[in-house]
């Protein structure tokens, strides 16, 4: 398998959770769900380079602009409800 070759190249040991115990990979599962539903859904990439470029752009947006948008919305809601005084 390709993933096994990659892991062995970098001397990384695979860690899998026990059956019926999903809590240790919940973050990874949530991340994959977001990528599948917001980034990949109904998209077709012409080649691997395009996919890599667009994925990098999406992750950059998600980690920077998306977080600021959520904080800004929280700030506006908090101001509206009088939680914060300005």
N, C-alpha and C. Protein backbone atom coordinates (compact mmCIF):
# COMPACT_ATOMS: atom_id res chain seq x y z
N UNK A 1 0.84 -1.19 0.00
CA UNK A 1 0.00 0.00 0.00
C UNK A 1 0.88 1.25 0.00
N UNK A 2 0.39 2.28 -0.63
CA UNK A 2 1.14 3.52 -0.74
C UNK A 2 1.35 4.17 0.63
N UNK A 3 0.34 4.17 1.47
CA UNK A 3 0.47 4.80 2.79
C UNK A 3 1.49 4.07 3.64
N UNK A 4 1.54 2.75 3.53
CA UNK A 4 2.53 1.99 4.29
C UNK A 4 3.95 2.33 3.85
N UNK A 5 4.15 2.50 2.55
CA UNK A 5 5.46 2.89 2.03
C UNK A 5 5.87 4.27 2.54
N UNK A 6 4.93 5.19 2.53
CA UNK A 6 5.19 6.54 3.01
C UNK A 6 5.55 6.54 4.49
N UNK A 7 4.79 5.80 5.29
CA UNK A 7 5.07 5.74 6.72
C UNK A 7 6.44 5.13 6.99
N UNK A 8 6.78 4.08 6.29
CA UNK A 8 8.08 3.44 6.52
C UNK A 8 9.22 4.33 6.04
N UNK A 9 9.00 5.12 4.98
CA UNK A 9 10.04 6.03 4.50
C UNK A 9 10.43 7.04 5.57
N UNK A 10 9.45 7.54 6.29
CA UNK A 10 9.70 8.53 7.33
C UNK A 10 9.80 7.92 8.72
N UNK A 11 9.87 6.59 8.77
CA UNK A 11 10.03 5.86 10.02
C UNK A 11 8.93 6.23 11.03
N UNK A 12 7.68 6.20 10.55
CA UNK A 12 6.52 6.53 11.38
C UNK A 12 5.75 5.24 11.66
N UNK A 13 5.41 5.03 12.92
CA UNK A 13 4.64 3.85 13.29
C UNK A 13 3.16 4.22 13.29
N UNK A 14 2.37 3.42 12.61
CA UNK A 14 0.94 3.66 12.53
C UNK A 14 0.29 3.37 13.89
N UNK A 15 -0.64 4.23 14.27
CA UNK A 15 -1.37 4.05 15.52
C UNK A 15 -2.85 4.00 15.22
N UNK A 16 -3.47 2.91 15.50
CA UNK A 16 -4.90 2.75 15.26
C UNK A 16 -5.62 2.54 16.58
N UNK A 17 -6.83 3.05 16.66
CA UNK A 17 -7.61 2.87 17.88
C UNK A 17 -8.20 1.47 17.92
N UNK A 18 -8.61 1.10 19.11
CA UNK A 18 -9.27 -0.19 19.26
C UNK A 18 -10.68 -0.12 18.68
N UNK A 19 -11.19 -1.23 18.26
CA UNK A 19 -12.52 -1.28 17.69
C UNK A 19 -13.55 -0.78 18.71
N UNK A 20 -14.42 0.10 18.27
CA UNK A 20 -15.47 0.63 19.14
C UNK A 20 -15.02 1.79 20.00
N UNK A 21 -13.82 2.31 19.79
CA UNK A 21 -13.31 3.44 20.58
C UNK A 21 -12.88 4.55 19.62
N UNK A 22 -13.81 5.36 19.14
CA UNK A 22 -13.49 6.34 18.10
C UNK A 22 -12.95 7.67 18.62
N UNK A 23 -12.84 7.85 19.92
CA UNK A 23 -12.54 9.17 20.47
C UNK A 23 -11.16 9.69 20.12
N UNK A 24 -10.18 8.80 19.95
CA UNK A 24 -8.84 9.29 19.68
C UNK A 24 -8.66 9.80 18.26
N UNK A 25 -9.54 9.45 17.35
CA UNK A 25 -9.41 9.98 16.00
C UNK A 25 -10.60 10.86 15.61
N UNK A 26 -11.30 11.39 16.59
CA UNK A 26 -12.47 12.22 16.31
C UNK A 26 -12.09 13.51 15.58
N UNK A 27 -10.95 14.07 15.93
CA UNK A 27 -10.51 15.30 15.27
C UNK A 27 -10.21 15.03 13.80
N UNK A 28 -9.53 13.94 13.52
CA UNK A 28 -9.22 13.59 12.13
C UNK A 28 -10.50 13.33 11.35
N UNK A 29 -11.44 12.60 11.94
CA UNK A 29 -12.70 12.31 11.26
C UNK A 29 -13.48 13.60 10.98
N UNK A 30 -13.50 14.51 11.93
CA UNK A 30 -14.21 15.78 11.74
C UNK A 30 -13.55 16.61 10.65
N UNK A 31 -12.22 16.59 10.63
CA UNK A 31 -11.49 17.33 9.60
C UNK A 31 -11.77 16.76 8.22
N UNK A 32 -11.73 15.43 8.08
CA UNK A 32 -12.02 14.81 6.79
C UNK A 32 -13.45 15.10 6.34
N UNK A 33 -14.38 15.14 7.28
CA UNK A 33 -15.77 15.44 6.93
C UNK A 33 -15.89 16.85 6.37
N UNK A 34 -15.23 17.81 7.01
CA UNK A 34 -15.26 19.20 6.54
C UNK A 34 -14.65 19.30 5.15
N UNK A 35 -13.52 18.63 4.95
CA UNK A 35 -12.86 18.69 3.65
C UNK A 35 -13.76 18.06 2.58
N UNK A 36 -14.39 16.94 2.90
CA UNK A 36 -15.25 16.27 1.92
C UNK A 36 -16.49 17.09 1.60
N UNK A 37 -17.11 17.70 2.60
CA UNK A 37 -18.37 18.40 2.37
C UNK A 37 -18.18 19.83 1.85
N UNK A 38 -17.12 20.51 2.27
CA UNK A 38 -16.94 21.90 1.87
C UNK A 38 -15.96 22.09 0.72
N UNK A 39 -14.99 21.21 0.59
CA UNK A 39 -13.95 21.42 -0.41
C UNK A 39 -14.10 20.50 -1.63
N UNK A 40 -14.28 19.23 -1.42
CA UNK A 40 -14.24 18.26 -2.50
C UNK A 40 -15.60 18.03 -3.15
N UNK A 41 -16.69 18.24 -2.43
CA UNK A 41 -18.02 17.92 -2.92
C UNK A 41 -18.29 18.57 -4.28
N UNK A 42 -18.63 17.76 -5.28
CA UNK A 42 -18.95 18.21 -6.64
C UNK A 42 -17.80 18.92 -7.35
N UNK A 43 -16.56 18.66 -6.93
CA UNK A 43 -15.39 19.24 -7.58
C UNK A 43 -14.69 18.19 -8.42
N UNK A 44 -14.12 18.62 -9.52
CA UNK A 44 -13.29 17.76 -10.35
C UNK A 44 -11.97 18.50 -10.58
N UNK A 45 -10.88 17.84 -10.27
CA UNK A 45 -9.56 18.45 -10.40
C UNK A 45 -8.88 17.87 -11.63
N UNK A 46 -8.30 18.74 -12.44
CA UNK A 46 -7.70 18.30 -13.69
C UNK A 46 -6.43 17.49 -13.49
N UNK A 47 -5.68 17.79 -12.43
CA UNK A 47 -4.47 17.03 -12.14
C UNK A 47 -4.12 17.19 -10.66
N UNK A 48 -3.10 16.47 -10.23
CA UNK A 48 -2.69 16.47 -8.83
C UNK A 48 -2.18 17.84 -8.39
N UNK A 49 -1.48 18.52 -9.26
CA UNK A 49 -0.95 19.84 -8.91
C UNK A 49 -2.08 20.83 -8.62
N UNK A 50 -3.14 20.78 -9.40
CA UNK A 50 -4.30 21.65 -9.17
C UNK A 50 -4.96 21.32 -7.84
N UNK A 51 -5.12 20.04 -7.56
CA UNK A 51 -5.69 19.62 -6.29
C UNK A 51 -4.84 20.11 -5.12
N UNK A 52 -3.53 19.93 -5.20
CA UNK A 52 -2.65 20.36 -4.12
C UNK A 52 -2.73 21.87 -3.91
N UNK A 53 -2.72 22.62 -5.01
CA UNK A 53 -2.78 24.08 -4.93
C UNK A 53 -4.10 24.53 -4.29
N UNK A 54 -5.21 23.98 -4.76
CA UNK A 54 -6.51 24.39 -4.22
C UNK A 54 -6.71 23.93 -2.78
N UNK A 55 -6.17 22.75 -2.44
CA UNK A 55 -6.27 22.29 -1.06
C UNK A 55 -5.46 23.18 -0.13
N UNK A 56 -4.26 23.56 -0.56
CA UNK A 56 -3.44 24.47 0.24
C UNK A 56 -4.18 25.79 0.45
N UNK A 57 -4.79 26.31 -0.60
CA UNK A 57 -5.54 27.56 -0.51
C UNK A 57 -6.73 27.42 0.43
N UNK A 58 -7.44 26.29 0.35
CA UNK A 58 -8.59 26.06 1.22
C UNK A 58 -8.16 25.97 2.69
N UNK A 59 -7.10 25.22 2.96
CA UNK A 59 -6.63 25.07 4.35
C UNK A 59 -6.17 26.42 4.89
N UNK A 60 -5.49 27.20 4.08
CA UNK A 60 -5.07 28.53 4.50
C UNK A 60 -6.28 29.39 4.83
N UNK A 61 -7.30 29.37 3.96
CA UNK A 61 -8.53 30.13 4.23
C UNK A 61 -9.19 29.64 5.51
N UNK A 62 -9.30 28.33 5.67
CA UNK A 62 -9.99 27.77 6.82
C UNK A 62 -9.29 28.15 8.12
N UNK A 63 -7.96 28.09 8.13
CA UNK A 63 -7.19 28.36 9.35
C UNK A 63 -7.07 29.84 9.68
N UNK A 64 -7.23 30.72 8.70
CA UNK A 64 -7.05 32.14 8.96
C UNK A 64 -8.33 32.93 8.80
N UNK A 65 -8.84 33.04 7.60
CA UNK A 65 -10.02 33.87 7.35
C UNK A 65 -11.28 33.30 7.98
N UNK A 66 -11.49 31.99 7.86
CA UNK A 66 -12.69 31.35 8.40
C UNK A 66 -12.77 31.54 9.90
N UNK A 67 -11.65 31.39 10.59
CA UNK A 67 -11.62 31.55 12.05
C UNK A 67 -11.95 32.99 12.41
N UNK A 68 -11.41 33.95 11.65
CA UNK A 68 -11.71 35.35 11.94
C UNK A 68 -13.17 35.68 11.67
N UNK A 69 -13.75 35.08 10.63
CA UNK A 69 -15.17 35.29 10.34
C UNK A 69 -16.03 34.79 11.49
N UNK A 70 -15.70 33.61 12.02
CA UNK A 70 -16.48 33.06 13.13
C UNK A 70 -16.34 33.96 14.36
N UNK A 71 -15.13 34.44 14.65
CA UNK A 71 -14.93 35.31 15.80
C UNK A 71 -15.66 36.64 15.62
N UNK A 72 -15.66 37.16 14.39
CA UNK A 72 -16.35 38.41 14.11
C UNK A 72 -17.85 38.25 14.31
N UNK A 73 -18.42 37.15 13.85
CA UNK A 73 -19.84 36.90 14.04
C UNK A 73 -20.17 36.79 15.53
N UNK A 74 -19.30 36.12 16.30
CA UNK A 74 -19.51 36.01 17.74
C UNK A 74 -19.47 37.39 18.38
N UNK A 75 -18.52 38.22 17.95
CA UNK A 75 -18.41 39.57 18.49
C UNK A 75 -19.68 40.36 18.20
N UNK A 76 -20.19 40.29 16.96
CA UNK A 76 -21.41 41.01 16.62
C UNK A 76 -22.60 40.53 17.44
N UNK A 77 -22.74 39.24 17.61
CA UNK A 77 -23.83 38.67 18.40
C UNK A 77 -23.70 39.11 19.85
N UNK A 78 -22.47 39.08 20.38
CA UNK A 78 -22.24 39.49 21.76
C UNK A 78 -22.56 40.96 21.96
N UNK A 79 -22.18 41.79 21.01
CA UNK A 79 -22.52 43.22 21.10
C UNK A 79 -24.02 43.43 21.04
N UNK A 80 -24.69 42.70 20.17
CA UNK A 80 -26.14 42.82 20.00
C UNK A 80 -26.86 42.45 21.29
N UNK A 81 -26.40 41.39 21.94
CA UNK A 81 -27.07 40.94 23.16
C UNK A 81 -26.56 41.64 24.42
N UNK A 82 -25.62 42.55 24.26
CA UNK A 82 -25.12 43.31 25.40
C UNK A 82 -24.14 42.56 26.29
N UNK A 83 -23.59 41.48 25.77
CA UNK A 83 -22.61 40.71 26.55
C UNK A 83 -21.32 41.50 26.70
N UNK A 84 -20.96 42.26 25.66
CA UNK A 84 -19.74 43.05 25.66
C UNK A 84 -20.14 44.51 25.51
N UNK A 85 -19.50 45.39 26.26
CA UNK A 85 -19.72 46.83 26.13
C UNK A 85 -18.56 47.45 25.36
N UNK A 86 -18.87 48.30 24.38
CA UNK A 86 -17.83 48.99 23.62
C UNK A 86 -18.04 50.49 23.75
